[in-house]
Protein backbone atom coordinates (compact mmCIF):
# COMPACT_ATOMS: atom_id res chain seq x y z
CA MET A 1 -12.73 -85.33 36.03
CA LEU A 2 -9.16 -84.76 34.44
CA SER A 3 -6.52 -87.38 35.23
CA PRO A 4 -3.60 -86.12 38.38
CA PRO A 5 -0.95 -84.35 36.11
CA THR A 6 2.36 -86.88 35.77
CA THR A 7 5.07 -85.26 37.35
CA ALA A 8 8.08 -84.09 34.86
CA SER A 9 10.67 -86.31 36.16
CA ALA A 10 9.01 -89.41 35.14
CA MET A 11 9.36 -88.44 31.51
CA PRO A 12 12.36 -89.34 29.38
CA ALA A 13 14.96 -86.73 29.01
CA ALA A 14 15.37 -85.29 25.05
CA THR A 15 18.61 -83.88 23.92
CA PRO A 16 18.53 -80.56 22.11
CA THR A 17 19.90 -82.23 18.98
CA ASP A 18 17.02 -84.49 18.87
CA LYS A 19 13.87 -83.70 16.26
CA LEU A 20 11.19 -81.56 18.43
CA ARG A 21 8.47 -84.22 18.81
CA VAL A 22 5.22 -82.47 18.21
CA LEU A 23 1.29 -83.26 19.11
CA VAL A 24 -1.19 -81.38 16.83
CA VAL A 25 -4.41 -80.75 18.81
CA ASP A 26 -7.43 -79.27 16.63
CA ASP A 27 -11.16 -80.13 16.55
CA SER A 28 -11.12 -79.51 12.80
CA LEU A 29 -9.94 -82.51 10.81
CA LEU A 30 -8.61 -80.24 7.77
CA TYR A 31 -6.99 -78.06 9.86
CA ARG A 32 -5.24 -80.68 11.75
CA LYS A 33 -4.15 -82.07 8.64
CA ILE A 34 -2.75 -78.44 7.38
CA VAL A 35 -0.80 -78.37 10.64
CA ARG A 36 0.65 -81.80 10.66
CA ASP A 37 1.67 -81.36 6.94
CA ALA A 38 3.01 -78.19 7.60
CA LEU A 39 5.22 -79.46 10.32
CA ALA A 40 6.09 -82.36 8.38
CA ALA A 41 7.67 -80.40 5.74
CA LEU A 42 10.25 -79.23 8.52
CA PRO A 43 13.49 -80.90 8.69
CA ASN A 44 13.67 -80.76 12.65
CA VAL A 45 10.09 -82.11 13.50
CA GLU A 46 8.80 -85.12 14.31
CA VAL A 47 4.78 -85.31 14.34
CA VAL A 48 4.20 -87.97 16.89
CA GLY A 49 0.51 -87.56 17.53
CA SER A 50 -3.00 -85.44 16.98
CA ALA A 51 -6.20 -85.14 19.06
CA SER A 52 -9.38 -83.53 18.23
CA ASN A 53 -10.19 -81.91 21.94
CA GLY A 54 -8.52 -80.98 25.21
CA ARG A 55 -8.97 -83.99 26.95
CA MET A 56 -7.17 -86.24 24.21
CA ALA A 57 -4.84 -83.80 23.98
CA ILE A 58 -3.94 -84.48 27.47
CA GLU A 59 -3.99 -88.47 27.35
CA LYS A 60 -1.58 -87.97 24.25
CA ILE A 61 0.71 -85.80 26.05
CA GLU A 62 1.01 -88.46 28.97
CA GLN A 63 1.31 -90.94 26.65
CA LEU A 64 3.73 -89.76 24.10
CA SER A 65 5.46 -86.76 26.28
CA PRO A 66 5.85 -84.20 23.13
CA ASP A 67 8.14 -81.46 23.24
CA LEU A 68 5.62 -79.12 21.61
CA VAL A 69 1.91 -79.08 21.38
CA THR A 70 0.18 -76.75 18.89
CA LEU A 71 -3.18 -75.96 20.60
CA ASP A 72 -6.62 -74.51 18.96
CA PHE A 73 -8.96 -72.44 21.55
CA GLU A 74 -12.23 -73.67 20.93
CA MET A 75 -12.62 -77.66 21.39
CA PRO A 76 -15.53 -79.72 22.37
CA GLU A 77 -15.28 -81.18 26.39
CA LEU A 78 -11.73 -79.22 27.38
CA ASP A 79 -10.59 -75.92 25.28
CA GLY A 80 -6.77 -74.94 24.46
CA PRO A 81 -6.70 -72.97 27.79
CA GLY A 82 -8.10 -75.66 29.68
CA VAL A 83 -4.74 -77.76 28.30
CA LEU A 84 -2.80 -74.93 29.43
CA ARG A 85 -3.74 -74.76 32.85
CA TRP A 86 -3.14 -78.70 33.10
CA LEU A 87 0.29 -78.30 31.76
CA ARG A 88 1.08 -75.48 34.11
CA GLN A 89 -0.03 -77.66 37.20
CA SER A 90 1.53 -80.70 35.92
CA LYS A 91 5.30 -78.82 35.60
CA ARG A 92 5.69 -80.74 32.45
CA PRO A 93 8.46 -79.33 30.23
CA THR A 94 6.07 -79.39 27.15
CA ARG A 95 5.57 -76.04 25.54
CA ALA A 96 2.29 -74.67 23.97
CA VAL A 97 1.73 -72.84 20.85
CA MET A 98 -1.66 -71.18 20.17
CA LEU A 99 -3.21 -71.19 16.74
CA SER A 100 -5.21 -68.14 17.15
CA ALA A 101 -7.81 -66.12 15.14
CA PHE A 102 -7.19 -62.96 13.36
CA THR A 103 -10.00 -61.27 15.03
CA SER A 104 -10.32 -58.92 18.22
CA GLU A 105 -12.02 -61.90 20.06
CA GLY A 106 -9.18 -64.38 18.89
CA ALA A 107 -6.86 -61.66 19.94
CA ASP A 108 -8.19 -60.96 23.34
CA ALA A 109 -8.30 -65.10 24.10
CA THR A 110 -4.28 -65.08 22.74
CA VAL A 111 -3.33 -62.71 25.40
CA LEU A 112 -5.12 -64.61 28.06
CA ALA A 113 -3.30 -67.85 26.65
CA LEU A 114 0.28 -66.25 27.09
CA GLN A 115 -0.90 -65.24 30.89
CA GLU A 116 -1.77 -68.99 31.04
CA GLY A 117 1.53 -70.04 30.28
CA ALA A 118 1.54 -70.41 26.09
CA PHE A 119 5.30 -70.40 24.79
CA ASP A 120 3.69 -68.43 21.75
CA PHE A 121 0.86 -68.18 19.11
CA VAL A 122 0.51 -68.02 15.11
CA VAL A 123 -2.28 -66.55 13.63
CA LYS A 124 -4.27 -68.90 11.58
CA PRO A 125 -3.97 -68.40 7.90
CA SER A 126 -7.48 -67.77 6.22
CA GLY A 127 -7.31 -66.11 3.04
CA GLY A 128 -5.98 -68.53 0.42
CA SER A 129 -6.24 -72.20 -0.60
CA PRO A 130 -5.34 -75.35 2.09
CA HIS A 131 -1.99 -75.51 0.01
CA ASP A 132 -1.37 -71.38 0.39
CA ASN A 133 -2.33 -71.64 4.28
CA GLN A 134 0.03 -74.52 4.82
CA LEU A 135 2.89 -72.80 3.27
CA LEU A 136 2.28 -69.61 5.44
CA LEU A 137 1.86 -71.68 8.62
CA GLN A 138 5.08 -73.58 7.78
CA THR A 139 6.78 -70.43 8.08
CA ALA A 140 5.21 -69.23 11.41
CA LEU A 141 5.61 -72.66 12.86
CA ALA A 142 9.36 -72.97 11.90
CA ALA A 143 10.31 -69.63 13.55
CA ARG A 144 8.74 -71.41 16.65
CA VAL A 145 9.78 -74.49 16.46
CA GLN A 146 13.29 -72.85 16.35
CA ALA A 147 12.85 -70.92 19.51
CA VAL A 148 11.37 -73.97 21.49
CA GLN A 149 14.90 -75.82 20.42
CA ASP A 150 16.64 -72.81 21.85
CA TRP A 151 14.68 -72.84 24.84
CA ARG A 152 15.60 -76.48 25.43
CA ALA A 153 19.04 -76.14 24.45
CA ALA A 154 19.29 -73.09 27.07
CA ARG A 155 18.26 -75.59 29.90
CA GLN A 156 21.07 -78.02 29.23
CA PRO A 157 24.28 -77.40 31.30
CA ARG A 158 26.54 -74.88 29.59
CA ARG A 159 30.42 -75.92 29.17
CA VAL A 160 31.25 -72.10 28.37
CA ALA A 161 29.68 -69.45 30.84
CA VAL A 162 28.49 -65.80 29.32
CA PRO A 163 30.90 -63.19 30.10
CA PRO A 164 30.01 -60.66 32.55
CA PRO A 165 28.51 -57.46 30.92
CA SER A 166 31.82 -55.44 32.46
CA VAL A 167 34.66 -57.83 30.42
CA GLY A 168 36.24 -55.35 28.32
CA LEU A 169 34.79 -52.29 29.33
CA PRO A 170 37.13 -49.36 31.21
CA PRO A 171 35.08 -48.05 34.40
CA ALA A 172 35.03 -44.88 32.81
CA THR A 173 32.29 -46.24 30.38
CA ARG A 174 29.65 -47.11 32.71
CA VAL A 175 26.53 -45.53 33.45
CA LEU A 176 25.28 -45.51 37.03
CA PRO A 177 21.67 -44.86 38.12
CA GLY A 178 21.03 -41.74 39.04
CA THR A 179 23.89 -39.75 37.32
CA GLN A 180 22.28 -38.39 34.04
CA ARG A 181 18.60 -37.35 33.16
CA ILE A 182 16.84 -40.06 31.53
CA GLY A 183 14.00 -38.55 29.11
CA VAL A 184 12.34 -41.82 28.06
CA VAL A 185 12.59 -45.57 29.04
CA ALA A 186 12.48 -47.84 25.85
CA ILE A 187 11.71 -51.49 26.05
CA GLY A 188 12.18 -54.50 23.33
CA VAL A 189 10.74 -57.86 23.79
CA SER A 190 9.56 -60.20 21.73
CA THR A 191 8.69 -64.41 22.49
CA GLY A 192 7.47 -64.56 26.12
CA GLY A 193 7.26 -60.80 26.47
CA PRO A 194 3.28 -60.36 27.21
CA ASP A 195 4.02 -62.65 30.66
CA ALA A 196 7.33 -60.93 31.10
CA LEU A 197 5.49 -57.23 30.45
CA ARG A 198 2.47 -58.50 32.81
CA ALA A 199 5.17 -59.26 35.61
CA MET A 200 7.43 -56.55 35.26
CA LEU A 201 4.91 -53.39 34.27
CA PRO A 202 2.84 -53.39 37.40
CA ARG A 203 5.81 -52.71 39.28
CA LEU A 204 6.49 -49.47 37.74
CA PRO A 205 4.91 -46.48 39.81
CA ALA A 206 2.62 -43.96 38.73
CA ASP A 207 4.89 -41.08 39.74
CA LEU A 208 7.68 -42.81 37.10
CA ALA A 209 9.75 -39.71 36.11
CA ALA A 210 9.78 -40.73 32.36
CA PRO A 211 7.58 -41.94 29.88
CA VAL A 212 7.78 -45.58 28.42
CA VAL A 213 7.84 -46.79 25.00
CA ILE A 214 7.44 -50.26 23.76
CA VAL A 215 7.93 -52.82 20.90
CA GLN A 216 6.46 -56.21 21.41
CA HIS A 217 6.55 -58.06 18.34
CA MET A 218 2.67 -58.86 17.64
CA PRO A 219 0.62 -58.24 14.57
CA PRO A 220 -2.29 -56.15 14.15
CA VAL A 221 -5.29 -56.34 16.69
CA PHE A 222 -3.17 -58.17 19.28
CA THR A 223 -0.98 -55.20 20.61
CA LYS A 224 -4.47 -53.66 21.29
CA SER A 225 -5.66 -56.24 23.28
CA LEU A 226 -2.43 -56.81 25.21
CA ALA A 227 -2.24 -52.88 25.99
CA ASP A 228 -5.77 -53.07 27.25
CA SER A 229 -5.04 -56.06 29.69
CA LEU A 230 -1.85 -54.64 30.87
CA ASN A 231 -3.75 -51.20 31.80
CA LYS A 232 -6.02 -53.24 34.05
CA LEU A 233 -2.86 -53.94 36.14
CA CYS A 234 -0.35 -51.18 35.93
CA PRO A 235 -0.56 -48.15 37.92
CA LEU A 236 1.08 -46.47 34.85
CA HIS A 237 -1.94 -45.63 32.03
CA VAL A 238 -0.65 -48.35 29.31
CA ALA A 239 -2.32 -48.10 25.70
CA GLU A 240 -1.55 -48.71 22.09
CA ALA A 241 0.60 -45.65 20.64
CA VAL A 242 -1.54 -43.38 18.20
CA ASP A 243 0.17 -41.34 15.68
CA GLY A 244 1.53 -37.81 16.48
CA GLN A 245 0.61 -38.32 20.39
CA LEU A 246 2.52 -36.88 23.31
CA VAL A 247 3.83 -39.47 25.74
CA ALA A 248 4.05 -37.80 29.23
CA PRO A 249 5.55 -39.72 32.38
CA GLY A 250 3.02 -41.80 33.97
CA GLU A 251 2.24 -43.34 30.50
CA VAL A 252 3.29 -46.08 28.54
CA VAL A 253 2.40 -46.74 24.86
CA ILE A 254 3.10 -49.99 22.87
CA ALA A 255 3.55 -49.69 19.25
CA PRO A 256 0.39 -51.25 17.04
CA GLY A 257 1.32 -54.70 15.16
CA GLY A 258 2.06 -53.95 11.55
CA ARG A 259 3.61 -50.21 11.88
CA GLN A 260 6.59 -49.06 12.81
CA MET A 261 7.08 -46.82 15.91
CA LYS A 262 9.72 -43.79 16.02
CA VAL A 263 10.42 -41.17 18.52
CA ARG A 264 10.65 -37.38 18.01
CA ARG A 265 11.70 -35.25 20.65
CA THR A 266 9.90 -31.70 20.83
CA GLU A 267 11.32 -27.94 21.43
CA SER A 268 10.08 -28.47 24.57
CA GLY A 269 12.01 -31.93 25.00
CA GLN A 270 8.50 -33.99 25.23
CA VAL A 271 8.26 -37.81 23.57
CA GLN A 272 6.03 -37.62 20.41
CA ILE A 273 5.37 -40.66 18.68
CA GLU A 274 5.27 -41.10 14.61
CA LEU A 275 3.97 -44.15 13.34
CA THR A 276 4.98 -45.33 9.65
CA ASN A 277 4.69 -48.25 7.26
CA ASP A 278 8.35 -48.22 6.75
CA PRO A 279 9.86 -51.85 5.73
CA PRO A 280 10.54 -54.40 8.21
CA VAL A 281 13.69 -54.07 10.15
CA GLN A 282 15.42 -57.41 11.17
CA SER A 283 12.16 -59.29 9.48
CA CYS A 284 10.07 -57.24 12.16
CA ARG A 285 7.73 -54.37 11.79
CA PRO A 286 7.22 -53.20 14.41
CA SER A 287 10.94 -53.30 15.05
CA VAL A 288 12.92 -52.72 18.42
CA ASP A 289 15.95 -51.42 16.38
CA TYR A 290 13.63 -49.25 14.42
CA LEU A 291 12.68 -47.09 17.61
CA PHE A 292 16.43 -47.41 19.02
CA PHE A 293 17.56 -45.72 16.12
CA SER A 294 14.89 -42.88 16.23
CA LEU A 295 15.94 -42.54 19.74
CA ALA A 296 19.79 -42.48 19.12
CA ASP A 297 18.93 -39.58 16.89
CA SER A 298 16.73 -37.72 19.22
CA PHE A 299 17.03 -38.21 22.94
CA GLY A 300 20.50 -40.26 22.58
CA SER A 301 22.42 -40.66 26.13
CA GLN A 302 19.16 -39.67 27.93
CA THR A 303 17.56 -42.99 26.59
CA LEU A 304 17.20 -45.99 28.82
CA SER A 305 16.81 -48.91 26.85
CA VAL A 306 15.29 -52.43 28.36
CA ILE A 307 16.02 -55.46 25.87
CA MET A 308 14.16 -58.40 27.11
CA THR A 309 13.14 -62.36 26.15
CA GLY A 310 12.73 -62.76 22.55
CA MET A 311 13.45 -64.89 19.42
CA GLY A 312 16.35 -63.19 16.88
CA TYR A 313 18.53 -60.35 17.58
CA ASP A 314 16.15 -57.13 16.71
CA GLY A 315 17.29 -54.39 19.04
CA ALA A 316 20.89 -55.46 19.34
CA GLU A 317 22.15 -52.91 17.19
CA GLY A 318 19.86 -50.29 18.76
CA CYS A 319 21.56 -51.08 22.08
CA ARG A 320 25.06 -50.76 20.42
CA ARG A 321 23.96 -47.05 19.05
CA LEU A 322 22.45 -45.68 22.36
CA HIS A 323 25.16 -47.43 24.51
CA ALA A 324 27.98 -45.76 22.59
CA LEU A 325 26.32 -42.59 22.99
CA GLY A 326 25.89 -43.01 26.36
CA GLY A 327 23.04 -44.23 27.05
CA PRO A 328 22.17 -46.90 29.61
CA VAL A 329 21.11 -50.34 28.48
CA ILE A 330 19.04 -53.09 30.93
CA ALA A 331 19.10 -56.53 29.70
CA GLN A 332 16.68 -59.82 30.93
CA ASN A 333 19.22 -62.56 32.29
CA GLU A 334 19.02 -66.18 30.55
CA ALA A 335 17.56 -67.55 33.29
CA THR A 336 14.44 -65.72 33.30
CA CYS A 337 14.08 -65.20 29.89
CA VAL A 338 11.56 -67.43 27.42
CA VAL A 339 13.99 -67.53 24.57
CA PHE A 340 17.63 -65.53 25.18
CA GLY A 341 17.84 -64.11 21.97
CA MET A 342 17.23 -60.66 21.90
CA PRO A 343 19.28 -59.90 25.13
CA ARG A 344 22.28 -62.45 24.10
CA LYS A 345 24.26 -59.85 21.98
CA PRO A 346 23.88 -56.91 24.44
CA VAL A 347 25.15 -59.32 27.24
CA GLU A 348 27.80 -60.90 25.22
CA GLU A 349 29.33 -57.60 23.67
CA GLY A 350 29.38 -55.95 26.86
CA VAL A 351 26.82 -53.43 25.84
CA ALA A 352 24.69 -54.16 28.88
CA ASP A 353 25.31 -51.84 31.85
CA ILE A 354 22.93 -54.26 34.17
CA VAL A 355 22.05 -58.12 33.27
CA ALA A 356 18.68 -58.44 35.66
CA PRO A 357 16.46 -61.42 36.35
CA LEU A 358 13.00 -60.24 35.54
CA SER A 359 11.77 -59.72 39.18
CA SER A 360 14.25 -56.64 39.52
CA ILE A 361 14.23 -55.11 36.25
CA ALA A 362 11.45 -52.53 37.25
CA ASP A 363 13.48 -51.56 40.52
CA ASP A 364 16.50 -50.90 38.04
CA ILE A 365 14.43 -48.86 35.71
CA VAL A 366 13.55 -46.88 38.78
CA ARG A 367 16.87 -46.53 39.92
CA TYR A 368 17.86 -44.83 36.81
CA THR A 369 14.67 -43.01 36.10
CA GLY A 370 13.80 -41.60 39.32
CA ARG A 371 10.27 -40.46 40.44
CA ARG A 372 8.47 -37.20 39.70
CA THR A 373 8.52 -34.77 42.60
CA ARG A 374 5.13 -33.66 43.80
CA PRO A 375 4.13 -30.18 43.82
């Protein structure tokens, strides 16, 4: 039996300026060393311990109260998902980043782990020397460490409130639901996205009047696992995008990891997907900005842009362009984001027409698009 969860209130509070305290959990001695060394090279991290299985991990979490745990999936006695379930039940502020295998099985397990409450994941490098793998892992972990620090900082009392989205915008520039035809809904999301999509997409009705295109920052293989898992939950049909396909109302496509996705408008006004190997935009492939730029050229004001939880600023410039053309923009609010990075600029710059909690985004999308009329 696992020990009873300790309440979060019993733990010492840490300020966002402290070094991030990290516990490394992996059943491989070699990989524990690689991960520890990768983390130790980061200036804002303190590795406080390690564990070789999930049961030991829980004991160390109770003893050390780390801010972040790196978790392997397959471990003796208790696996990574088991630790995630314990963390969720204990309501501790400790975040978990999964170390995932770059396989279809690893992708399926990762999507399930994200649904169990994992903060994010990184793919285990496996093609080079231990030193090369450590450097690759160090780069990937550095971004997740920063995201966890941003998450912690966002939950501290703020002295300056984010201005409401209408500040500085004359009423004539506001785009009201139902006042214009929406030809396509475009969603950009990153860290926290799989869980956010899992909460939001099933609330969209099967008769939604516009197709939905999504960029979720993920590597190849993982996006297909995400699409397959969402398709089991949604009234809409969800699939990984295919080059050249036409996307009709009632369908949702997710950009494949490692490819850029753009949208072309056919002569009949349909949404057609084009996948490319163009370079990363905002260091991302797929990129939200890349998708949104193509929509600005093809659908303009008939695009409904939705920018959700995620690290960085991918999508901010695309939202600006589409908003300037008269396209409405919905941004997820800070309180419900895992990381309020991607929506921040659209909100602070007054580009977002609606700033909404995750629970109401689907309703807002329906208000803008409407539903298809039945014959």
